[in-house]
Amino acid sequence: MVGILVHGDNHFIVRGPLPDHAQARALARHWSVIEIGQTTPPSLARWRISSQEFRENLEWAVIVPGEGERNPEVSQLLGELSARGIAIHDYGAELT
């Protein structure tokens, strides 16, 4: 499976299953801070960043709270996914 994980003004195209709230937040934290020599924790080993995917292949979308405004292109992509019937899981909205 392939999806998009949106974190504030950043996003990741991800290979792996739809993450739940805790997993999505952990992935965003793990990928947002680059540390040389850092290894992926076993609990996050099911996911990896993908650098080449077709937008038509995206099967899930997750939004987690983060800093900065969402990129307009990412907002457009989320709209396209929603129009295709793909649920946008906004885990930030669950906190309010």
PDB file of N, CA and C in Angstrom:
ATOM      1  N   MET A   1       0.829  -1.182   0.000  1.00  0.00           N
ATOM      2  CA  MET A   1       0.000   0.000   0.000  1.00  0.00           C
ATOM      3  C   MET A   1       0.876   1.250   0.000  1.00  0.00           C
ATOM      4  N   VAL A   2       0.331   2.311  -0.571  1.00  0.00           N
ATOM      5  CA  VAL A   2       1.042   3.584  -0.627  1.00  0.00           C
ATOM      6  C   VAL A   2       0.089   4.676  -0.152  1.00  0.00           C
ATOM      7  N   GLY A   3       0.621   5.610   0.636  1.00  0.00           N
ATOM      8  CA  GLY A   3      -0.199   6.712   1.110  1.00  0.00           C
ATOM      9  C   GLY A   3       0.627   7.965   1.310  1.00  0.00           C
ATOM     10  N   ILE A   4      -0.041   8.984   1.835  1.00  0.00           N
ATOM     11  CA  ILE A   4       0.629  10.252   2.134  1.00  0.00           C
ATOM     12  C   ILE A   4       0.421  10.577   3.603  1.00  0.00           C
ATOM     13  N   LEU A   5       1.491  10.951   4.265  1.00  0.00           N
ATOM     14  CA  LEU A   5       1.476  11.382   5.657  1.00  0.00           C
ATOM     15  C   LEU A   5       1.814  12.870   5.658  1.00  0.00           C
ATOM     16  N   VAL A   6       0.862  13.698   6.049  1.00  0.00           N
ATOM     17  CA  VAL A   6       1.033  15.147   6.060  1.00  0.00           C
ATOM     18  C   VAL A   6       1.273  15.583   7.496  1.00  0.00           C
ATOM     19  N   HIS A   7       2.343  16.349   7.697  1.00  0.00           N
ATOM     20  CA  HIS A   7       2.740  16.806   9.027  1.00  0.00           C
ATOM     21  C   HIS A   7       3.070  18.290   8.927  1.00  0.00           C
ATOM     22  N   GLY A   8       2.076  19.154   9.234  1.00  0.00           N
ATOM     23  CA  GLY A   8       2.297  20.595   9.132  1.00  0.00           C
ATOM     24  C   GLY A   8       2.635  20.987   7.711  1.00  0.00           C
ATOM     25  N   ASP A   9       3.785  21.640   7.527  1.00  0.00           N
ATOM     26  CA  ASP A   9       4.195  22.062   6.187  1.00  0.00           C
ATOM     27  C   ASP A   9       5.068  21.020   5.490  1.00  0.00           C
ATOM     28  N   ASN A  10       5.103  19.811   6.026  1.00  0.00           N
ATOM     29  CA  ASN A  10       5.901  18.735   5.466  1.00  0.00           C
ATOM     30  C   ASN A  10       4.983  17.577   5.098  1.00  0.00           C
ATOM     31  N   HIS A  11       5.424  16.734   4.197  1.00  0.00           N
ATOM     32  CA  HIS A  11       4.667  15.535   3.871  1.00  0.00           C
ATOM     33  C   HIS A  11       5.622  14.446   3.405  1.00  0.00           C
ATOM     34  N   PHE A  12       5.152  13.214   3.519  1.00  0.00           N
ATOM     35  CA  PHE A  12       5.936  12.046   3.126  1.00  0.00           C
ATOM     36  C   PHE A  12       5.038  11.123   2.317  1.00  0.00           C
ATOM     37  N   ILE A  13       5.544  10.609   1.215  1.00  0.00           N
ATOM     38  CA  ILE A  13       4.870   9.546   0.487  1.00  0.00           C
ATOM     39  C   ILE A  13       5.424   8.257   1.088  1.00  0.00           C
ATOM     40  N   VAL A  14       4.515   7.401   1.512  1.00  0.00           N
ATOM     41  CA  VAL A  14       4.896   6.283   2.375  1.00  0.00           C
ATOM     42  C   VAL A  14       4.406   4.958   1.800  1.00  0.00           C
ATOM     43  N   ARG A  15       5.260   3.961   1.814  1.00  0.00           N
ATOM     44  CA  ARG A  15       4.865   2.580   1.508  1.00  0.00           C
ATOM     45  C   ARG A  15       4.613   1.891   2.841  1.00  0.00           C
ATOM     46  N   GLY A  16       3.439   1.283   2.947  1.00  0.00           N
ATOM     47  CA  GLY A  16       3.068   0.566   4.156  1.00  0.00           C
ATOM     48  C   GLY A  16       1.578   0.699   4.400  1.00  0.00           C
ATOM     49  N   PRO A  17       1.080   0.043   5.426  1.00  0.00           N
ATOM     50  CA  PRO A  17      -0.350   0.102   5.713  1.00  0.00           C
ATOM     51  C   PRO A  17      -0.752   1.451   6.311  1.00  0.00           C
ATOM     52  N   LEU A  18      -2.051   1.709   6.327  1.00  0.00           N
ATOM     53  CA  LEU A  18      -2.571   2.918   6.959  1.00  0.00           C
ATOM     54  C   LEU A  18      -2.177   2.899   8.434  1.00  0.00           C
ATOM     55  N   PRO A  19      -1.406   3.909   8.888  1.00  0.00           N
ATOM     56  CA  PRO A  19      -1.016   3.935  10.304  1.00  0.00           C
ATOM     57  C   PRO A  19      -2.153   4.479  11.167  1.00  0.00           C
ATOM     58  N   ASP A  20      -2.212   4.003  12.406  1.00  0.00           N
ATOM     59  CA  ASP A  20      -3.173   4.590  13.343  1.00  0.00           C
ATOM     60  C   ASP A  20      -2.587   5.896  13.873  1.00  0.00           C
ATOM     61  N   HIS A  21      -3.327   6.552  14.749  1.00  0.00           N
ATOM     62  CA  HIS A  21      -2.913   7.865  15.261  1.00  0.00           C
ATOM     63  C   HIS A  21      -1.512   7.831  15.877  1.00  0.00           C
ATOM     64  N   ALA A  22      -1.277   6.913  16.789  1.00  0.00           N
ATOM     65  CA  ALA A  22       0.023   6.838  17.474  1.00  0.00           C
ATOM     66  C   ALA A  22       1.151   6.518  16.494  1.00  0.00           C
ATOM     67  N   GLN A  23       0.899   5.603  15.577  1.00  0.00           N
ATOM     68  CA  GLN A  23       1.923   5.237  14.590  1.00  0.00           C
ATOM     69  C   GLN A  23       2.234   6.411  13.670  1.00  0.00           C
ATOM     70  N   ALA A  24       1.204   7.132  13.231  1.00  0.00           N
ATOM     71  CA  ALA A  24       1.411   8.278  12.339  1.00  0.00           C
ATOM     72  C   ALA A  24       2.237   9.363  13.024  1.00  0.00           C
ATOM     73  N   ARG A  25       1.924   9.655  14.273  1.00  0.00           N
ATOM     74  CA  ARG A  25       2.698  10.665  15.005  1.00  0.00           C
ATOM     75  C   ARG A  25       4.147  10.206  15.187  1.00  0.00           C
ATOM     76  N   ALA A  26       4.343   8.934  15.485  1.00  0.00           N
ATOM     77  CA  ALA A  26       5.701   8.405  15.657  1.00  0.00           C
ATOM     78  C   ALA A  26       6.476   8.478  14.342  1.00  0.00           C
ATOM     79  N   LEU A  27       5.826   8.147  13.227  1.00  0.00           N
ATOM     80  CA  LEU A  27       6.494   8.251  11.921  1.00  0.00           C
ATOM     81  C   LEU A  27       6.874   9.684  11.609  1.00  0.00           C
ATOM     82  N   ALA A  28       5.970  10.617  11.850  1.00  0.00           N
ATOM     83  CA  ALA A  28       6.265  12.030  11.586  1.00  0.00           C
ATOM     84  C   ALA A  28       7.447  12.502  12.429  1.00  0.00           C
ATOM     85  N   ARG A  29       7.472  12.140  13.697  1.00  0.00           N
ATOM     86  CA  ARG A  29       8.606  12.519  14.562  1.00  0.00           C
ATOM     87  C   ARG A  29       9.898  11.890  14.055  1.00  0.00           C
ATOM     88  N   HIS A  30       9.825  10.607  13.718  1.00  0.00           N
ATOM     89  CA  HIS A  30      11.016   9.872  13.291  1.00  0.00           C
ATOM     90  C   HIS A  30      11.610  10.454  12.013  1.00  0.00           C
ATOM     91  N   TRP A  31      10.759  10.805  11.048  1.00  0.00           N
ATOM     92  CA  TRP A  31      11.238  11.291   9.758  1.00  0.00           C
ATOM     93  C   TRP A  31      11.472  12.788   9.719  1.00  0.00           C
ATOM     94  N   SER A  32      10.973  13.532  10.679  1.00  0.00           N
ATOM     95  CA  SER A  32      11.119  14.993  10.642  1.00  0.00           C
ATOM     96  C   SER A  32      12.467  15.464  11.157  1.00  0.00           C
ATOM     97  N   VAL A  33      13.112  14.675  11.974  1.00  0.00           N
ATOM     98  CA  VAL A  33      14.427  15.041  12.512  1.00  0.00           C
ATOM     99  C   VAL A  33      15.437  14.032  11.983  1.00  0.00           C
ATOM    100  N   ILE A  34      16.328  14.505  11.129  1.00  0.00           N
ATOM    101  CA  ILE A  34      17.341  13.634  10.537  1.00  0.00           C
ATOM    102  C   ILE A  34      18.511  13.505  11.498  1.00  0.00           C
ATOM    103  N   GLU A  35      18.833  12.282  11.836  1.00  0.00           N
ATOM    104  CA  GLU A  35      19.992  12.004  12.684  1.00  0.00           C
ATOM    105  C   GLU A  35      20.874  10.996  11.957  1.00  0.00           C
ATOM    106  N   ILE A  36      22.118  11.353  11.745  1.00  0.00           N
ATOM    107  CA  ILE A  36      23.056  10.465  11.059  1.00  0.00           C
ATOM    108  C   ILE A  36      23.220   9.187  11.871  1.00  0.00           C
ATOM    109  N   GLY A  37      23.096   8.065  11.196  1.00  0.00           N
ATOM    110  CA  GLY A  37      23.253   6.775  11.840  1.00  0.00           C
ATOM    111  C   GLY A  37      22.001   6.275  12.558  1.00  0.00           C
ATOM    112  N   GLN A  38      20.947   7.045  12.514  1.00  0.00           N
ATOM    113  CA  GLN A  38      19.703   6.661  13.180  1.00  0.00           C
ATOM    114  C   GLN A  38      19.108   5.430  12.508  1.00  0.00           C
ATOM    115  N   THR A  39      18.650   4.494  13.295  1.00  0.00           N
ATOM    116  CA  THR A  39      17.979   3.317  12.763  1.00  0.00           C
ATOM    117  C   THR A  39      16.483   3.423  13.052  1.00  0.00           C
ATOM    118  N   THR A  40      15.714   2.782  12.224  1.00  0.00           N
ATOM    119  CA  THR A  40      14.268   2.797  12.393  1.00  0.00           C
ATOM    120  C   THR A  40      13.885   1.850  13.516  1.00  0.00           C
ATOM    121  N   PRO A  41      13.090   2.321  14.470  1.00  0.00           N
ATOM    122  CA  PRO A  41      12.638   1.436  15.544  1.00  0.00           C
ATOM    123  C   PRO A  41      11.822   0.271  14.967  1.00  0.00           C
ATOM    124  N   PRO A  42      11.906  -0.901  15.555  1.00  0.00           N
ATOM    125  CA  PRO A  42      11.154  -2.056  15.055  1.00  0.00           C
ATOM    126  C   PRO A  42       9.655  -1.790  14.926  1.00  0.00           C
ATOM    127  N   SER A  43       9.101  -0.952  15.798  1.00  0.00           N
ATOM    128  CA  SER A  43       7.662  -0.669  15.751  1.00  0.00           C
ATOM    129  C   SER A  43       7.257   0.119  14.500  1.00  0.00           C
ATOM    130  N   LEU A  44       8.236   0.720  13.811  1.00  0.00           N
ATOM    131  CA  LEU A  44       7.954   1.508  12.609  1.00  0.00           C
ATOM    132  C   LEU A  44       8.521   0.863  11.335  1.00  0.00           C
ATOM    133  N   ALA A  45       8.995  -0.359  11.452  1.00  0.00           N
ATOM    134  CA  ALA A  45       9.671  -1.019  10.333  1.00  0.00           C
ATOM    135  C   ALA A  45       8.741  -1.349   9.163  1.00  0.00           C
ATOM    136  N   ARG A  46       7.430  -1.313   9.380  1.00  0.00           N
ATOM    137  CA  ARG A  46       6.491  -1.643   8.292  1.00  0.00           C
ATOM    138  C   ARG A  46       6.352  -0.514   7.284  1.00  0.00           C
ATOM    139  N   TRP A  47       6.888   0.671   7.590  1.00  0.00           N
ATOM    140  CA  TRP A  47       6.743   1.839   6.722  1.00  0.00           C
ATOM    141  C   TRP A  47       8.095   2.320   6.233  1.00  0.00           C
ATOM    142  N   ARG A  48       8.090   2.863   5.017  1.00  0.00           N
ATOM    143  CA  ARG A  48       9.301   3.501   4.487  1.00  0.00           C
ATOM    144  C   ARG A  48       8.888   4.619   3.552  1.00  0.00           C
ATOM    145  N   ILE A  49       9.713   5.630   3.482  1.00  0.00           N
ATOM    146  CA  ILE A  49       9.482   6.743   2.566  1.00  0.00           C
ATOM    147  C   ILE A  49       9.754   6.261   1.147  1.00  0.00           C
ATOM    148  N   SER A  50       8.885   6.648   0.242  1.00  0.00           N
ATOM    149  CA  SER A  50       9.044   6.296  -1.166  1.00  0.00           C
ATOM    150  C   SER A  50       9.261   7.581  -1.956  1.00  0.00           C
ATOM    151  N   SER A  51      10.233   7.576  -2.839  1.00  0.00           N
ATOM    152  CA  SER A  51      10.557   8.793  -3.587  1.00  0.00           C
ATOM    153  C   SER A  51       9.915   8.832  -4.966  1.00  0.00           C
ATOM    154  N   GLN A  52       9.386   7.704  -5.442  1.00  0.00           N
ATOM    155  CA  GLN A  52       8.773   7.694  -6.767  1.00  0.00           C
ATOM    156  C   GLN A  52       7.483   6.882  -6.727  1.00  0.00           C
ATOM    157  N   GLU A  53       6.381   7.592  -6.771  1.00  0.00           N
ATOM    158  CA  GLU A  53       5.069   6.942  -6.812  1.00  0.00           C
ATOM    159  C   GLU A  53       4.164   7.762  -7.717  1.00  0.00           C
ATOM    160  N   PHE A  54       3.198   7.115  -8.308  1.00  0.00           N
ATOM    161  CA  PHE A  54       2.165   7.802  -9.067  1.00  0.00           C
ATOM    162  C   PHE A  54       1.039   8.168  -8.113  1.00  0.00           C
ATOM    163  N   ARG A  55       0.512   9.384  -8.221  1.00  0.00           N
ATOM    164  CA  ARG A  55      -0.555   9.835  -7.324  1.00  0.00           C
ATOM    165  C   ARG A  55      -1.765   8.929  -7.420  1.00  0.00           C
ATOM    166  N   GLU A  56      -1.972   8.286  -8.572  1.00  0.00           N
ATOM    167  CA  GLU A  56      -3.098   7.371  -8.742  1.00  0.00           C
ATOM    168  C   GLU A  56      -2.971   6.135  -7.852  1.00  0.00           C
ATOM    169  N   ASN A  57      -1.761   5.842  -7.382  1.00  0.00           N
ATOM    170  CA  ASN A  57      -1.536   4.664  -6.553  1.00  0.00           C
ATOM    171  C   ASN A  57      -1.747   4.920  -5.059  1.00  0.00           C
ATOM    172  N   LEU A  58      -1.931   6.184  -4.678  1.00  0.00           N
ATOM    173  CA  LEU A  58      -2.118   6.492  -3.257  1.00  0.00           C
ATOM    174  C   LEU A  58      -3.445   5.897  -2.777  1.00  0.00           C
ATOM    175  N   GLU A  59      -3.385   5.158  -1.673  1.00  0.00           N
ATOM    176  CA  GLU A  59      -4.554   4.454  -1.151  1.00  0.00           C
ATOM    177  C   GLU A  59      -5.028   4.990   0.192  1.00  0.00           C
ATOM    178  N   TRP A  60      -4.217   5.780   0.860  1.00  0.00           N
ATOM    179  CA  TRP A  60      -4.606   6.340   2.153  1.00  0.00           C
ATOM    180  C   TRP A  60      -3.940   7.694   2.347  1.00  0.00           C
ATOM    181  N   ALA A  61      -4.528   8.483   3.261  1.00  0.00           N
ATOM    182  CA  ALA A  61      -3.979   9.802   3.590  1.00  0.00           C
ATOM    183  C   ALA A  61      -4.195  10.060   5.077  1.00  0.00           C
ATOM    184  N   VAL A  62      -3.150  10.564   5.712  1.00  0.00           N
ATOM    185  CA  VAL A  62      -3.180  10.860   7.142  1.00  0.00           C
ATOM    186  C   VAL A  62      -2.604  12.250   7.362  1.00  0.00           C
ATOM    187  N   ILE A  63      -3.269  13.014   8.213  1.00  0.00           N
ATOM    188  CA  ILE A  63      -2.768  14.329   8.614  1.00  0.00           C
ATOM    189  C   ILE A  63      -2.525  14.282  10.116  1.00  0.00           C
ATOM    190  N   VAL A  64      -1.316  14.669  10.529  1.00  0.00           N
ATOM    191  CA  VAL A  64      -0.996  14.788  11.956  1.00  0.00           C
ATOM    192  C   VAL A  64      -0.572  16.220  12.226  1.00  0.00           C
ATOM    193  N   PRO A  65      -0.805  16.713  13.442  1.00  0.00           N
ATOM    194  CA  PRO A  65      -0.443  18.098  13.760  1.00  0.00           C
ATOM    195  C   PRO A  65       1.046  18.355  13.547  1.00  0.00           C
ATOM    196  N   GLY A  66       1.354  19.538  13.063  1.00  0.00           N
ATOM    197  CA  GLY A  66       2.732  19.948  12.853  1.00  0.00           C
ATOM    198  C   GLY A  66       2.777  21.452  12.687  1.00  0.00           C
ATOM    199  N   GLU A  67       3.971  21.985  12.616  1.00  0.00           N
ATOM    200  CA  GLU A  67       4.145  23.428  12.487  1.00  0.00           C
ATOM    201  C   GLU A  67       4.113  23.838  11.025  1.00  0.00           C
ATOM    202  N   GLY A  68       3.668  25.047  10.786  1.00  0.00           N
ATOM    203  CA  GLY A  68       3.657  25.600   9.443  1.00  0.00           C
ATOM    204  C   GLY A  68       2.355  25.314   8.711  1.00  0.00           C
ATOM    205  N   GLU A  69       2.158  26.082   7.652  1.00  0.00           N
ATOM    206  CA  GLU A  69       0.965  25.942   6.826  1.00  0.00           C
ATOM    207  C   GLU A  69       1.164  24.842   5.788  1.00  0.00           C
ATOM    208  N   ARG A  70       0.111  24.122   5.524  1.00  0.00           N
ATOM    209  CA  ARG A  70       0.160  23.056   4.526  1.00  0.00           C
ATOM    210  C   ARG A  70       0.427  23.653   3.149  1.00  0.00           C
ATOM    211  N   ASN A  71       1.271  23.012   2.401  1.00  0.00           N
ATOM    212  CA  ASN A  71       1.620  23.368   1.043  1.00  0.00           C
ATOM    213  C   ASN A  71       0.359  23.309   0.164  1.00  0.00           C
ATOM    214  N   PRO A  72       0.100  24.324  -0.688  1.00  0.00           N
ATOM    215  CA  PRO A  72      -1.096  24.306  -1.537  1.00  0.00           C
ATOM    216  C   PRO A  72      -1.179  23.074  -2.446  1.00  0.00           C
ATOM    217  N   GLU A  73      -0.045  22.592  -2.934  1.00  0.00           N
ATOM    218  CA  GLU A  73      -0.042  21.412  -3.795  1.00  0.00           C
ATOM    219  C   GLU A  73      -0.476  20.170  -3.018  1.00  0.00           C
ATOM    220  N   VAL A  74      -0.066  20.074  -1.753  1.00  0.00           N
ATOM    221  CA  VAL A  74      -0.478  18.950  -0.921  1.00  0.00           C
ATOM    222  C   VAL A  74      -1.978  19.038  -0.637  1.00  0.00           C
ATOM    223  N   SER A  75      -2.473  20.242  -0.379  1.00  0.00           N
ATOM    224  CA  SER A  75      -3.918  20.426  -0.179  1.00  0.00           C
ATOM    225  C   SER A  75      -4.692  20.006  -1.425  1.00  0.00           C
ATOM    226  N   GLN A  76      -4.177  20.350  -2.596  1.00  0.00           N
ATOM    227  CA  GLN A  76      -4.818  19.957  -3.846  1.00  0.00           C
ATOM    228  C   GLN A  76      -4.829  18.433  -3.981  1.00  0.00           C
ATOM    229  N   LEU A  77      -3.704  17.797  -3.658  1.00  0.00           N
ATOM    230  CA  LEU A  77      -3.621  16.339  -3.736  1.00  0.00           C
ATOM    231  C   LEU A  77      -4.619  15.690  -2.778  1.00  0.00           C
ATOM    232  N   LEU A  78      -4.733  16.218  -1.559  1.00  0.00           N
ATOM    233  CA  LEU A  78      -5.702  15.679  -0.608  1.00  0.00           C
ATOM    234  C   LEU A  78      -7.122  15.817  -1.153  1.00  0.00           C
ATOM    235  N   GLY A  79      -7.404  16.929  -1.824  1.00  0.00           N
ATOM    236  CA  GLY A  79      -8.713  17.116  -2.449  1.00  0.00           C
ATOM    237  C   GLY A  79      -8.968  16.088  -3.540  1.00  0.00           C
ATOM    238  N   GLU A  80      -7.938  15.810  -4.338  1.00  0.00           N
ATOM    239  CA  GLU A  80      -8.058  14.804  -5.395  1.00  0.00           C
ATOM    240  C   GLU A  80      -8.329  13.429  -4.796  1.00  0.00           C
ATOM    241  N   LEU A  81      -7.612  13.105  -3.728  1.00  0.00           N
ATOM    242  CA  LEU A  81      -7.806  11.803  -3.082  1.00  0.00           C
ATOM    243  C   LEU A  81      -9.221  11.684  -2.524  1.00  0.00           C
ATOM    244  N   SER A  82      -9.688  12.744  -1.883  1.00  0.00           N
ATOM    245  CA  SER A  82     -11.035  12.747  -1.334  1.00  0.00           C
ATOM    246  C   SER A  82     -12.068  12.564  -2.442  1.00  0.00           C
ATOM    247  N   ALA A  83     -11.863  13.224  -3.578  1.00  0.00           N
ATOM    248  CA  ALA A  83     -12.780  13.099  -4.712  1.00  0.00           C
ATOM    249  C   ALA A  83     -12.800  11.678  -5.264  1.00  0.00           C
ATOM    250  N   ARG A  84     -11.692  10.952  -5.099  1.00  0.00           N
ATOM    251  CA  ARG A  84     -11.625   9.547  -5.531  1.00  0.00           C
ATOM    252  C   ARG A  84     -12.245   8.611  -4.499  1.00  0.00           C
ATOM    253  N   GLY A  85     -12.700   9.172  -3.378  1.00  0.00           N
ATOM    254  CA  GLY A  85     -13.336   8.344  -2.352  1.00  0.00           C
ATOM    255  C   GLY A  85     -12.392   7.845  -1.276  1.00  0.00           C
ATOM    256  N   ILE A  86     -11.182   8.367  -1.247  1.00  0.00           N
ATOM    257  CA  ILE A  86     -10.216   7.964  -0.228  1.00  0.00           C
ATOM    258  C   ILE A  86     -10.419   8.834   1.004  1.00  0.00           C
ATOM    259  N   ALA A  87     -10.615   8.198   2.151  1.00  0.00           N
ATOM    260  CA  ALA A  87     -10.816   8.932   3.402  1.00  0.00           C
ATOM    261  C   ALA A  87      -9.527   9.641   3.799  1.00  0.00           C
ATOM    262  N   ILE A  88      -9.652  10.890   4.237  1.00  0.00           N
ATOM    263  CA  ILE A  88      -8.523  11.659   4.751  1.00  0.00           C
ATOM    264  C   ILE A  88      -8.614  11.573   6.271  1.00  0.00           C
ATOM    265  N   HIS A  89      -7.689  10.880   6.883  1.00  0.00           N
ATOM    266  CA  HIS A  89      -7.691  10.691   8.330  1.00  0.00           C
ATOM    267  C   HIS A  89      -6.957  11.859   8.980  1.00  0.00           C
ATOM    268  N   ASP A  90      -7.698  12.796   9.552  1.00  0.00           N
ATOM    269  CA  ASP A  90      -7.118  13.982  10.193  1.00  0.00           C
ATOM    270  C   ASP A  90      -7.015  13.716  11.685  1.00  0.00           C
ATOM    271  N   TYR A  91      -5.859  13.220  12.112  1.00  0.00           N
ATOM    272  CA  TYR A  91      -5.661  12.866  13.512  1.00  0.00           C
ATOM    273  C   TYR A  91      -5.526  14.098  14.393  1.00  0.00           C
ATOM    274  N   GLY A  92      -5.245  15.253  13.818  1.00  0.00           N
ATOM    275  CA  GLY A  92      -5.231  16.491  14.589  1.00  0.00           C
ATOM    276  C   GLY A  92      -6.629  16.901  14.993  1.00  0.00           C
ATOM    277  N   ALA A  93      -7.590  16.670  14.104  1.00  0.00           N
ATOM    278  CA  ALA A  93      -8.989  17.032  14.389  1.00  0.00           C
ATOM    279  C   ALA A  93      -9.537  16.198  15.539  1.00  0.00           C
ATOM    280  N   GLU A  94      -9.007  15.002  15.749  1.00  0.00           N
ATOM    281  CA  GLU A  94      -9.477  14.137  16.824  1.00  0.00           C
ATOM    282  C   GLU A  94      -9.110  14.680  18.196  1.00  0.00           C
ATOM    283  N   LEU A  95      -8.140  15.587  18.238  1.00  0.00           N
ATOM    284  CA  LEU A  95      -7.677  16.122  19.520  1.00  0.00           C
ATOM    285  C   LEU A  95      -8.538  17.272  20.006  1.00  0.00           C
ATOM    286  N   THR A  96      -9.389  17.836  19.139  1.00  0.00           N
ATOM    287  CA  THR A  96     -10.192  18.987  19.518  1.00  0.00           C
ATOM    288  C   THR A  96     -11.557  18.578  19.996  1.00  0.00           C
TER     289      THR A  96
END
